[in-house]
Amino acid sequence: MPDHRPKRPSDAAAASPAAKRARDPSAPSFPTYKDAPDLPPKIRLLCEILASNAADVEAALDDADVRVTTADVEQVLRFSYAHARASVAFFRWAGHRHLGHEHSPYAWNLVVDILGKNRLFDPMWDTVASMRSQGLLSLATFASVFSSLAAAPGSSPLKAFVDMPRYGMDRDTPALNSLLSALCRANRLDDARAVIPVARAEAGTRPDADSYAILLEGCEAAADPRVAREVFDEMVRSIGFDPGNVPAYDSFLTTLVSSDSPNALPEAMEYLALLRRRGCSPGERFFRAALVAHLKARELHGAMALWNDFVGRLGIVPDMEMYNTMIMLQGSLGHSAEVIVYLDDMAFNGVFPDTGTYNVVLQFLLKGKKYREAAAVFSEMVKNECWPNEENCSRALCTFLDTRNWDMGMKVWKCMVENGLPPLEECANMLVSKMKDVRLPEACKLAEDMIDLGIKLNSATLTKLKQSLQRIKKVEIHDHLLRKWKASMMKDK
């Protein structure tokens, strides 16, 4: 089921590469102009000046003798997070020299973000105050402030939320959600939970469905089912059940079903039943995680019921990972014929198997002695340039030769040779040994081709060929092969 929630206010501030980096406080470095090889020469020159640690940035910029536009300022700032003070100097210089002090709100927000991400909080707040005086403050500005403070140990983004009226900003629910997002991205789940009662008491701000979805996403990221249950209960008491709140239910049930608890799967399914009774449902992430949990538990009945519910009733189109999970579950339980059903259904839904999927299917079909189906899958995967792995190469060749399907055996061998698939030498000796009693001329020709290709036949294989040739009085063929074999062995030395 798709997530139709509007983007959160914090998303606007998260648009820049540096803001994305702020989601991971441990990230080692800021993005720079060196990460963008196609930058216009003027932008690159300005970025280089800011990165040069010049004693007088403004003088260096004057010497460059270039004119800048609002778009230029924004682009330079995006690549200058690592040089906060030089960036501020450039911002002031551009405003004074070229823009008549008329910067865009986005450029101002970038300066706030640069200062905050470098933990220069006093100048950050001075910039916020300047923005207020010009009527440029927005929730995107405070989203950046919250993000920077949340990533700094000992800093309080909650205080920034409480102080928003000092800057003419409302402490409304979107602002609350922006604060919750910043704290959860910084792995401060306990602080995020503590925000809601303070927001209620200080500003009368009430959480909405999005607020709890953010908290439950935080629980999922922290892999904390205990807190997730508490948040879910708070959500139900506060706003009840809402069929549109799919992201919250998705995160909650995914957290439960993915936990290490031995009761994880049944507990998650109980909550799923509760949601169903209320006309609510989680989304694709839970469906995917629940299928994996059923695979681990080897629980086919529940997995099929889940599949019929989400795919058949809700209309979710399975992706490759979902199909692979069901193929693994059916195959591991010995239902090798069923894996073909899922393989065929993949193509029907526009999901095309990759090499991994084909190899798993081929493995189960060979193991389940579904040789006709295995031959068809092998032909299909090779046609799609998906090559069998080493185990499947060996097993397929052995299987087809043992069942006297010589044509498929040769098809497997040719595929291995043409694509250099292992284990060539092991399979070469097996092929000659198995064919010599039924197709002796072909076995001899194969042996000669193998020697010419540098594929090592062992002496025992040649001895078996000699015994078969002696019976038809064609020992000279063995002698010819032996001479070539010895010559190839000498060449290798």
Protein backbone atom coordinates (compact mmCIF):
# COMPACT_ATOMS: atom_id res chain seq x y z
CA MET A 1 0.00 0.00 0.00
CA PRO A 2 1.61 3.30 -1.03
CA ASP A 3 2.44 5.98 1.49
CA HIS A 4 0.43 9.07 0.59
CA ARG A 5 1.68 11.27 3.43
CA PRO A 6 2.84 14.72 2.41
CA LYS A 7 6.54 15.39 2.85
CA ARG A 8 7.43 16.54 6.31
CA PRO A 9 8.51 20.12 6.85
CA SER A 10 11.98 18.92 7.77
CA ASP A 11 12.41 17.47 4.29
CA ALA A 12 12.94 20.93 2.84
CA ALA A 13 15.98 21.51 4.99
CA ALA A 14 17.26 18.04 4.24
CA ALA A 15 17.56 18.78 0.54
CA SER A 16 21.24 19.72 0.52
CA PRO A 17 23.99 17.07 0.61
CA ALA A 18 25.32 18.49 3.87
CA ALA A 19 21.93 18.32 5.52
CA LYS A 20 21.66 14.70 4.45
CA ARG A 21 25.05 14.14 6.00
CA ALA A 22 23.73 15.59 9.25
CA ARG A 23 21.49 12.56 9.62
CA ASP A 24 24.66 10.69 10.48
CA PRO A 25 26.52 12.71 13.12
CA SER A 26 29.53 10.41 12.81
CA ALA A 27 30.06 11.19 9.11
CA PRO A 28 33.75 12.03 8.70
CA SER A 29 33.62 14.90 6.21
CA PHE A 30 31.48 17.44 4.42
CA PRO A 31 30.85 17.27 0.67
CA THR A 32 33.08 19.61 -1.31
CA TYR A 33 33.38 20.98 -4.81
CA LYS A 34 35.85 18.16 -5.51
CA ASP A 35 32.92 15.77 -5.35
CA ALA A 36 31.30 17.54 -8.32
CA PRO A 37 33.65 17.33 -11.33
CA ASP A 38 31.19 19.05 -13.68
CA LEU A 39 30.94 22.33 -11.78
CA PRO A 40 31.12 25.49 -13.90
CA PRO A 41 34.60 27.08 -13.81
CA LYS A 42 33.36 30.17 -11.98
CA ILE A 43 31.77 28.14 -9.19
CA ARG A 44 34.88 25.98 -8.88
CA LEU A 45 37.09 29.08 -8.63
CA LEU A 46 34.95 30.57 -5.86
CA CYS A 47 34.91 27.27 -3.96
CA GLU A 48 38.69 27.05 -4.24
CA ILE A 49 39.03 30.56 -2.78
CA LEU A 50 36.87 29.60 0.21
CA ALA A 51 38.89 26.41 0.70
CA SER A 52 42.24 28.21 0.48
CA ASN A 53 42.22 29.51 4.07
CA ALA A 54 43.04 32.99 2.78
CA ALA A 55 43.65 35.49 5.57
CA ASP A 56 41.36 37.99 3.85
CA VAL A 57 38.60 36.12 2.03
CA GLU A 58 36.89 39.23 0.74
CA ALA A 59 40.14 40.57 -0.76
CA ALA A 60 40.75 37.23 -2.47
CA LEU A 61 37.23 37.32 -3.87
CA ASP A 62 37.75 40.89 -5.12
CA ASP A 63 40.96 39.82 -6.84
CA ALA A 64 39.08 37.05 -8.66
CA ASP A 65 37.07 39.76 -10.40
CA VAL A 66 33.91 37.69 -11.02
CA ARG A 67 30.29 38.66 -10.75
CA VAL A 68 27.94 36.38 -8.86
CA THR A 69 24.21 35.79 -8.98
CA THR A 70 21.85 34.48 -6.35
CA ALA A 71 22.08 31.03 -7.92
CA ASP A 72 25.89 31.22 -7.81
CA VAL A 73 25.81 32.00 -4.10
CA GLU A 74 23.55 29.06 -3.39
CA GLN A 75 25.73 26.67 -5.39
CA VAL A 76 28.99 27.80 -3.79
CA LEU A 77 27.52 27.53 -0.29
CA ARG A 78 26.29 23.99 -0.94
CA PHE A 79 29.88 22.90 -1.57
CA SER A 80 31.54 24.92 1.20
CA TYR A 81 30.22 23.35 4.41
CA ALA A 82 33.77 22.49 5.46
CA HIS A 83 34.72 26.19 5.49
CA ALA A 84 32.09 27.80 7.65
CA ARG A 85 33.75 31.15 8.39
CA ALA A 86 34.88 31.61 4.79
CA SER A 87 31.36 30.76 3.65
CA VAL A 88 29.88 33.47 5.86
CA ALA A 89 32.46 35.96 4.56
CA PHE A 90 31.55 35.01 0.98
CA PHE A 91 27.84 35.39 1.76
CA ARG A 92 28.42 38.89 3.11
CA TRP A 93 30.75 39.83 0.26
CA ALA A 94 28.28 38.65 -2.40
CA GLY A 95 25.44 40.50 -0.76
CA HIS A 96 27.41 43.74 -0.45
CA ARG A 97 29.23 43.70 -3.81
CA HIS A 98 26.71 42.14 -6.17
CA LEU A 99 23.24 41.49 -4.78
CA GLY A 100 22.33 44.66 -2.92
CA HIS A 101 22.03 42.61 0.27
CA GLU A 102 19.11 40.72 -1.31
CA HIS A 103 19.94 37.08 -0.70
CA SER A 104 17.40 34.33 -1.33
CA PRO A 105 15.76 32.62 1.68
CA TYR A 106 17.48 29.41 0.56
CA ALA A 107 20.92 31.04 0.74
CA TRP A 108 20.15 32.31 4.24
CA ASN A 109 19.03 28.82 5.25
CA LEU A 110 22.26 27.39 3.87
CA VAL A 111 24.28 29.76 6.06
CA VAL A 112 22.25 28.71 9.10
CA ASP A 113 22.82 25.08 8.20
CA ILE A 114 26.56 25.53 7.61
CA LEU A 115 27.04 27.25 10.95
CA GLY A 116 24.92 24.70 12.78
CA LYS A 117 26.59 21.68 11.24
CA ASN A 118 29.94 23.13 12.28
CA ARG A 119 28.51 23.69 15.78
CA LEU A 120 29.01 27.46 15.61
CA PHE A 121 25.77 28.00 17.45
CA ASP A 122 26.18 31.63 18.55
CA PRO A 123 26.65 32.93 14.97
CA MET A 124 23.94 30.53 13.86
CA TRP A 125 21.45 32.19 16.20
CA ASP A 126 22.67 35.63 15.12
CA THR A 127 21.88 34.64 11.54
CA VAL A 128 18.43 33.41 12.58
CA ALA A 129 17.81 36.77 14.23
CA SER A 130 18.89 38.58 11.06
CA MET A 131 16.52 36.44 9.03
CA ARG A 132 13.69 37.31 11.38
CA SER A 133 14.36 41.03 10.96
CA GLN A 134 13.99 40.58 7.21
CA GLY A 135 10.91 38.40 7.45
CA LEU A 136 12.71 35.39 5.93
CA LEU A 137 12.35 32.79 8.67
CA SER A 138 10.52 29.60 7.84
CA LEU A 139 10.02 26.18 9.32
CA ALA A 140 12.81 24.95 7.03
CA THR A 141 15.18 27.25 8.95
CA PHE A 142 14.20 25.72 12.26
CA ALA A 143 14.33 22.23 10.80
CA SER A 144 18.01 22.92 10.12
CA VAL A 145 18.49 24.33 13.61
CA PHE A 146 16.85 21.28 15.20
CA SER A 147 18.98 18.94 13.10
CA SER A 148 22.24 20.65 14.05
CA LEU A 149 21.41 20.83 17.74
CA ALA A 150 20.20 17.22 17.85
CA ALA A 151 23.51 16.05 16.38
CA ALA A 152 25.54 17.93 19.01
CA PRO A 153 25.89 16.16 22.37
CA GLY A 154 24.70 18.34 25.21
CA SER A 155 22.67 20.65 22.97
CA SER A 156 18.93 21.02 23.37
CA PRO A 157 16.79 21.24 20.25
CA LEU A 158 13.78 21.16 22.59
CA LYS A 159 14.80 24.54 24.01
CA ALA A 160 14.98 25.87 20.46
CA PHE A 161 11.42 24.66 19.92
CA VAL A 162 10.23 26.30 23.13
CA ASP A 163 11.93 29.58 22.15
CA MET A 164 10.40 29.73 18.65
CA PRO A 165 7.90 32.51 19.58
CA ARG A 166 10.87 34.80 20.30
CA TYR A 167 11.53 34.64 16.57
CA GLY A 168 7.93 35.06 15.53
CA MET A 169 7.46 31.36 14.76
CA ASP A 170 4.57 29.13 15.82
CA ARG A 171 5.16 26.06 17.95
CA ASP A 172 2.61 24.13 15.94
CA THR A 173 2.37 20.47 15.08
CA PRO A 174 4.51 20.68 11.91
CA ALA A 175 7.25 22.32 14.01
CA LEU A 176 6.89 19.56 16.59
CA ASN A 177 7.23 16.93 13.88
CA SER A 178 10.33 18.62 12.52
CA LEU A 179 11.85 18.48 16.01
CA LEU A 180 10.91 14.82 16.43
CA SER A 181 12.48 13.99 13.05
CA ALA A 182 15.74 15.68 14.00
CA LEU A 183 15.97 13.83 17.32
CA CYS A 184 15.14 10.44 15.82
CA ARG A 185 17.67 10.91 13.01
CA ALA A 186 20.26 11.63 15.69
CA ASN A 187 19.32 8.40 17.51
CA ARG A 188 17.90 10.33 20.46
CA LEU A 189 14.67 8.36 20.74
CA ASP A 190 14.21 8.91 24.48
CA ASP A 191 14.61 12.67 24.03
CA ALA A 192 12.11 12.59 21.17
CA ARG A 193 9.53 10.83 23.33
CA ALA A 194 10.10 13.37 26.11
CA VAL A 195 9.30 16.21 23.71
CA ILE A 196 5.58 15.46 23.40
CA PRO A 197 4.52 16.15 27.02
CA VAL A 198 6.70 19.28 27.13
CA ALA A 199 5.19 20.54 23.85
CA ARG A 200 1.71 19.96 25.26
CA ALA A 201 2.48 21.71 28.54
CA GLU A 202 4.51 24.62 27.16
CA ALA A 203 2.62 25.41 23.97
CA GLY A 204 -0.49 23.26 23.87
CA THR A 205 0.95 21.56 20.79
CA ARG A 206 -0.72 18.23 20.12
CA PRO A 207 0.93 15.41 18.17
CA ASP A 208 -0.79 14.07 15.07
CA ALA A 209 -0.55 10.82 13.14
CA ASP A 210 2.68 11.98 11.55
CA SER A 211 4.21 12.63 14.97
CA TYR A 212 3.70 9.03 16.03
CA ALA A 213 4.85 7.73 12.66
CA ILE A 214 8.13 9.58 13.19
CA LEU A 215 8.54 8.14 16.69
CA LEU A 216 7.77 4.63 15.49
CA GLU A 217 10.29 5.02 12.66
CA GLY A 218 12.77 5.94 15.39
CA CYS A 219 11.85 2.78 17.29
CA GLU A 220 12.39 0.76 14.13
CA ALA A 221 15.80 2.34 13.56
CA ALA A 222 16.72 1.64 17.19
CA ALA A 223 15.33 -1.93 16.94
CA ASP A 224 13.47 -1.33 20.21
CA PRO A 225 10.18 -3.29 20.32
CA ARG A 226 9.53 -2.41 23.96
CA VAL A 227 9.47 1.32 23.30
CA ALA A 228 7.57 0.70 20.06
CA ARG A 229 4.74 -0.95 22.01
CA GLU A 230 4.61 1.99 24.40
CA VAL A 231 4.51 4.52 21.56
CA PHE A 232 1.84 2.50 19.76
CA ASP A 233 -0.33 2.46 22.88
CA GLU A 234 0.16 6.22 23.33
CA MET A 235 -0.81 6.76 19.70
CA VAL A 236 -3.99 4.72 19.99
CA ARG A 237 -4.99 6.57 23.17
CA SER A 238 -4.22 9.96 21.62
CA ILE A 239 -5.55 9.72 18.06
CA GLY A 240 -7.16 6.30 17.79
CA PHE A 241 -6.93 4.08 14.72
CA ASP A 242 -6.58 5.75 11.34
CA PRO A 243 -6.57 3.74 8.07
CA GLY A 244 -4.43 6.48 6.51
CA ASN A 245 -1.64 6.11 9.06
CA VAL A 246 0.07 3.31 7.13
CA PRO A 247 3.68 4.47 7.84
CA ALA A 248 3.15 4.28 11.61
CA TYR A 249 1.70 0.77 11.46
CA ASP A 250 4.39 -0.26 9.00
CA SER A 251 7.21 0.82 11.31
CA PHE A 252 5.55 -0.62 14.41
CA LEU A 253 4.91 -4.09 13.03
CA THR A 254 8.26 -4.19 11.24
CA THR A 255 9.98 -3.45 14.56
CA LEU A 256 8.09 -6.27 16.26
CA VAL A 257 8.50 -8.92 13.58
CA SER A 258 12.21 -8.14 13.10
CA SER A 259 13.14 -8.44 16.77
CA ASP A 260 15.13 -11.33 18.23
CA SER A 261 12.30 -12.36 20.54
CA PRO A 262 11.11 -15.96 20.08
CA ASN A 263 7.59 -14.52 20.23
CA ALA A 264 8.25 -11.89 17.56
CA LEU A 265 6.30 -13.47 14.72
CA PRO A 266 3.14 -14.48 16.60
CA GLU A 267 3.05 -11.14 18.43
CA ALA A 268 3.33 -9.19 15.19
CA MET A 269 0.58 -11.28 13.62
CA GLU A 270 -1.67 -10.62 16.63
CA TYR A 271 -1.21 -6.88 16.20
CA LEU A 272 -1.84 -7.27 12.47
CA ALA A 273 -5.15 -8.97 13.26
CA LEU A 274 -6.01 -6.08 15.62
CA LEU A 275 -5.32 -3.55 12.89
CA ARG A 276 -7.37 -5.54 10.40
CA ARG A 277 -10.36 -5.46 12.77
CA ARG A 278 -10.03 -1.67 12.87
CA GLY A 279 -9.82 -1.39 9.09
CA CYS A 280 -6.11 -0.50 9.18
CA SER A 281 -3.04 -2.03 7.59
CA PRO A 282 0.75 -1.74 7.53
CA GLY A 283 2.58 -1.46 4.22
CA GLU A 284 5.20 -3.14 2.11
CA ARG A 285 8.10 -2.94 4.57
CA PHE A 286 6.21 -5.03 7.11
CA PHE A 287 5.09 -7.45 4.42
CA ARG A 288 8.69 -7.94 3.35
CA ALA A 289 9.98 -8.33 6.91
CA ALA A 290 7.14 -10.69 7.86
CA LEU A 291 7.90 -12.96 4.90
CA VAL A 292 11.51 -13.17 6.05
CA ALA A 293 10.34 -14.03 9.57
CA HIS A 294 8.13 -16.80 8.20
CA LEU A 295 11.11 -18.13 6.23
CA LYS A 296 13.24 -18.23 9.38
CA ALA A 297 10.42 -20.02 11.23
CA ARG A 298 9.81 -22.33 8.23
CA GLU A 299 6.14 -21.42 8.58
CA LEU A 300 4.55 -21.84 5.15
CA HIS A 301 0.86 -21.60 6.03
CA GLY A 302 1.20 -18.17 7.61
CA ALA A 303 3.41 -16.93 4.77
CA MET A 304 0.89 -17.98 2.15
CA ALA A 305 -1.97 -16.38 4.09
CA LEU A 306 0.07 -13.18 4.31
CA TRP A 307 0.85 -13.33 0.59
CA ASN A 308 -2.80 -13.81 -0.32
CA ASP A 309 -3.78 -10.92 1.94
CA PHE A 310 -1.21 -8.33 0.82
CA VAL A 311 -0.87 -9.38 -2.80
CA GLY A 312 -4.33 -10.76 -3.49
CA ARG A 313 -6.49 -8.43 -1.39
CA LEU A 314 -4.47 -5.22 -1.01
CA GLY A 315 -2.93 -5.35 -4.45
CA ILE A 316 0.72 -4.99 -3.46
CA VAL A 317 2.95 -5.92 -6.38
CA PRO A 318 5.71 -8.16 -4.99
CA ASP A 319 9.31 -7.22 -5.70
CA MET A 320 12.22 -9.57 -6.30
CA GLU A 321 13.10 -9.83 -2.62
CA MET A 322 9.56 -10.93 -1.75
CA TYR A 323 9.48 -13.51 -4.52
CA ASN A 324 12.90 -14.82 -3.51
CA THR A 325 11.75 -15.24 0.08
CA MET A 326 8.74 -17.33 -0.97
CA ILE A 327 10.89 -19.37 -3.36
CA MET A 328 13.36 -20.05 -0.54
CA LEU A 329 10.57 -21.03 1.84
CA GLN A 330 8.81 -23.37 -0.59
CA GLY A 331 12.07 -24.88 -1.78
CA SER A 332 13.52 -25.38 1.70
CA LEU A 333 10.40 -27.31 2.67
CA GLY A 334 10.81 -29.60 -0.33
CA HIS A 335 8.06 -28.08 -2.48
CA SER A 336 10.28 -27.81 -5.54
CA ALA A 337 7.38 -27.74 -8.00
CA GLU A 338 5.95 -24.63 -6.29
CA VAL A 339 9.04 -22.53 -6.94
CA ILE A 340 8.20 -22.57 -10.66
CA VAL A 341 4.82 -20.98 -9.87
CA TYR A 342 6.56 -18.00 -8.26
CA LEU A 343 9.17 -17.81 -11.02
CA ASP A 344 6.44 -17.62 -13.65
CA ASP A 345 4.46 -15.10 -11.58
CA MET A 346 7.50 -12.82 -11.39
CA ALA A 347 7.51 -12.30 -15.14
CA PHE A 348 3.75 -11.71 -15.08
CA ASN A 349 4.30 -8.82 -12.66
CA GLY A 350 7.24 -7.39 -14.58
CA VAL A 351 9.84 -8.58 -12.06
CA PHE A 352 12.66 -10.24 -13.93
CA PRO A 353 14.74 -12.89 -12.14
CA ASP A 354 18.41 -12.20 -11.64
CA THR A 355 21.28 -14.67 -11.42
CA GLY A 356 20.67 -15.26 -7.71
CA THR A 357 17.01 -16.10 -8.20
CA TYR A 358 17.69 -18.46 -11.11
CA ASN A 359 20.39 -20.27 -9.18
CA VAL A 360 18.14 -20.80 -6.15
CA VAL A 361 15.33 -22.12 -8.35
CA LEU A 362 17.71 -24.40 -10.28
CA GLN A 363 19.18 -25.72 -7.04
CA PHE A 364 15.76 -26.65 -5.64
CA LEU A 365 14.61 -28.25 -8.90
CA LEU A 366 17.73 -30.41 -9.16
CA LYS A 367 17.49 -31.36 -5.50
CA GLY A 368 13.81 -32.18 -5.92
CA LYS A 369 14.50 -34.32 -9.02
CA LYS A 370 12.37 -32.07 -11.23
CA TYR A 371 14.72 -32.65 -14.14
CA ARG A 372 12.47 -31.50 -16.99
CA GLU A 373 11.75 -28.23 -15.17
CA ALA A 374 15.42 -27.85 -14.28
CA ALA A 375 16.39 -28.21 -17.95
CA ALA A 376 13.88 -25.51 -18.92
CA VAL A 377 15.10 -23.13 -16.21
CA PHE A 378 18.74 -23.72 -17.16
CA SER A 379 17.97 -22.90 -20.79
CA GLU A 380 16.05 -19.78 -19.78
CA MET A 381 18.72 -18.45 -17.44
CA VAL A 382 21.50 -18.96 -19.98
CA LYS A 383 19.38 -17.25 -22.63
CA ASN A 384 19.10 -14.28 -20.23
CA GLU A 385 22.87 -14.34 -19.58
CA CYS A 386 22.46 -15.45 -15.98
CA TRP A 387 25.13 -18.05 -15.33
CA PRO A 388 24.83 -21.01 -12.94
CA ASN A 389 27.10 -21.01 -9.91
CA GLU A 390 29.77 -23.62 -9.27
CA GLU A 391 27.56 -25.96 -7.26
CA ASN A 392 24.76 -25.83 -9.81
CA CYS A 393 27.15 -26.36 -12.73
CA SER A 394 28.52 -29.52 -11.19
CA ARG A 395 25.15 -30.80 -10.00
CA ALA A 396 23.34 -30.04 -13.27
CA LEU A 397 25.98 -31.73 -15.40
CA CYS A 398 26.07 -34.78 -13.16
CA THR A 399 22.27 -34.98 -13.03
CA PHE A 400 21.73 -34.73 -16.77
CA LEU A 401 24.46 -37.27 -17.49
CA ASP A 402 23.15 -39.70 -14.86
CA THR A 403 19.67 -39.46 -16.37
CA ARG A 404 21.19 -39.95 -19.84
CA ASN A 405 20.03 -36.57 -21.03
CA TRP A 406 23.18 -36.21 -23.08
CA ASP A 407 21.99 -33.20 -25.02
CA MET A 408 21.36 -31.17 -21.85
CA GLY A 409 24.64 -32.42 -20.43
CA MET A 410 26.47 -31.10 -23.46
CA LYS A 411 24.50 -27.84 -23.27
CA VAL A 412 25.65 -27.36 -19.68
CA TRP A 413 29.24 -28.16 -20.63
CA LYS A 414 29.30 -25.76 -23.58
CA CYS A 415 27.89 -23.01 -21.38
CA MET A 416 30.62 -23.63 -18.81
CA VAL A 417 33.41 -23.56 -21.40
CA GLU A 418 32.15 -20.51 -23.28
CA ASN A 419 31.79 -18.49 -20.08
CA GLY A 420 34.67 -19.90 -18.05
CA LEU A 421 32.35 -21.22 -15.33
CA PRO A 422 33.88 -23.40 -12.61
CA PRO A 423 34.55 -26.20 -11.85
CA LEU A 424 35.80 -26.82 -15.39
CA GLU A 425 38.42 -29.49 -14.68
CA GLU A 426 36.25 -31.51 -12.32
CA CYS A 427 33.32 -31.43 -14.74
CA ALA A 428 35.54 -32.18 -17.75
CA ASN A 429 36.77 -35.42 -16.21
CA MET A 430 33.25 -36.36 -15.13
CA LEU A 431 31.86 -35.69 -18.62
CA VAL A 432 34.44 -37.83 -20.43
CA SER A 433 34.15 -40.64 -17.87
CA LYS A 434 30.35 -40.81 -18.09
CA MET A 435 30.13 -40.51 -21.88
CA LYS A 436 32.81 -43.06 -22.78
CA ASP A 437 30.53 -46.09 -22.36
CA VAL A 438 27.65 -44.66 -24.42
CA ARG A 439 29.17 -42.13 -26.82
CA LEU A 440 32.78 -43.13 -27.05
CA PRO A 441 33.66 -41.21 -30.26
CA GLU A 442 32.12 -38.07 -28.79
CA ALA A 443 33.97 -38.64 -25.52
CA CYS A 444 37.27 -38.89 -27.40
CA LYS A 445 36.57 -35.73 -29.36
CA LEU A 446 35.67 -33.92 -26.15
CA ALA A 447 38.86 -35.13 -24.49
CA GLU A 448 40.95 -33.79 -27.39
CA ASP A 449 39.14 -30.44 -27.33
CA MET A 450 39.69 -30.20 -23.59
CA ILE A 451 43.41 -30.84 -23.93
CA ASP A 452 43.63 -28.23 -26.70
CA LEU A 453 41.84 -25.71 -24.45
CA GLY A 454 44.28 -26.36 -21.62
CA ILE A 455 41.66 -28.04 -19.42
CA LYS A 456 43.47 -30.68 -17.42
CA LEU A 457 42.26 -34.23 -17.75
CA ASN A 458 43.70 -36.51 -15.12
CA SER A 459 45.52 -39.77 -15.94
CA ALA A 460 42.69 -41.89 -14.51
CA THR A 461 40.27 -40.43 -17.06
CA LEU A 462 42.66 -41.26 -19.91
CA THR A 463 43.10 -44.78 -18.55
CA LYS A 464 39.34 -45.33 -18.61
CA LEU A 465 39.23 -44.09 -22.19
CA LYS A 466 42.05 -46.50 -23.11
CA GLN A 467 40.11 -49.44 -21.65
CA SER A 468 37.02 -48.54 -23.67
CA LEU A 469 39.07 -48.05 -26.85
CA GLN A 470 40.86 -51.39 -26.36
CA ARG A 471 37.50 -53.15 -26.50
CA ILE A 472 36.91 -51.80 -30.00
CA LYS A 473 40.56 -52.09 -31.01
CA LYS A 474 41.12 -48.35 -31.36
CA VAL A 475 44.05 -47.93 -28.98
CA GLU A 476 45.78 -45.61 -31.46
CA ILE A 477 43.20 -42.94 -30.58
CA HIS A 478 44.27 -43.19 -26.95
CA ASP A 479 47.93 -43.00 -27.97
CA HIS A 480 47.20 -39.83 -29.95
CA LEU A 481 45.41 -38.29 -26.97
CA LEU A 482 48.20 -39.36 -24.64
CA ARG A 483 50.85 -37.63 -26.75
CA LYS A 484 48.84 -34.40 -26.80
CA TRP A 485 48.19 -34.72 -23.07
CA LYS A 486 51.91 -35.14 -22.28
CA ALA A 487 52.80 -32.19 -24.52
CA SER A 488 50.28 -29.99 -22.71
CA MET A 489 51.64 -31.12 -19.35
CA MET A 490 55.20 -30.23 -20.42
CA LYS A 491 54.01 -26.84 -21.67
CA ASP A 492 52.43 -26.11 -18.28
CA LYS A 493 55.72 -26.84 -16.57
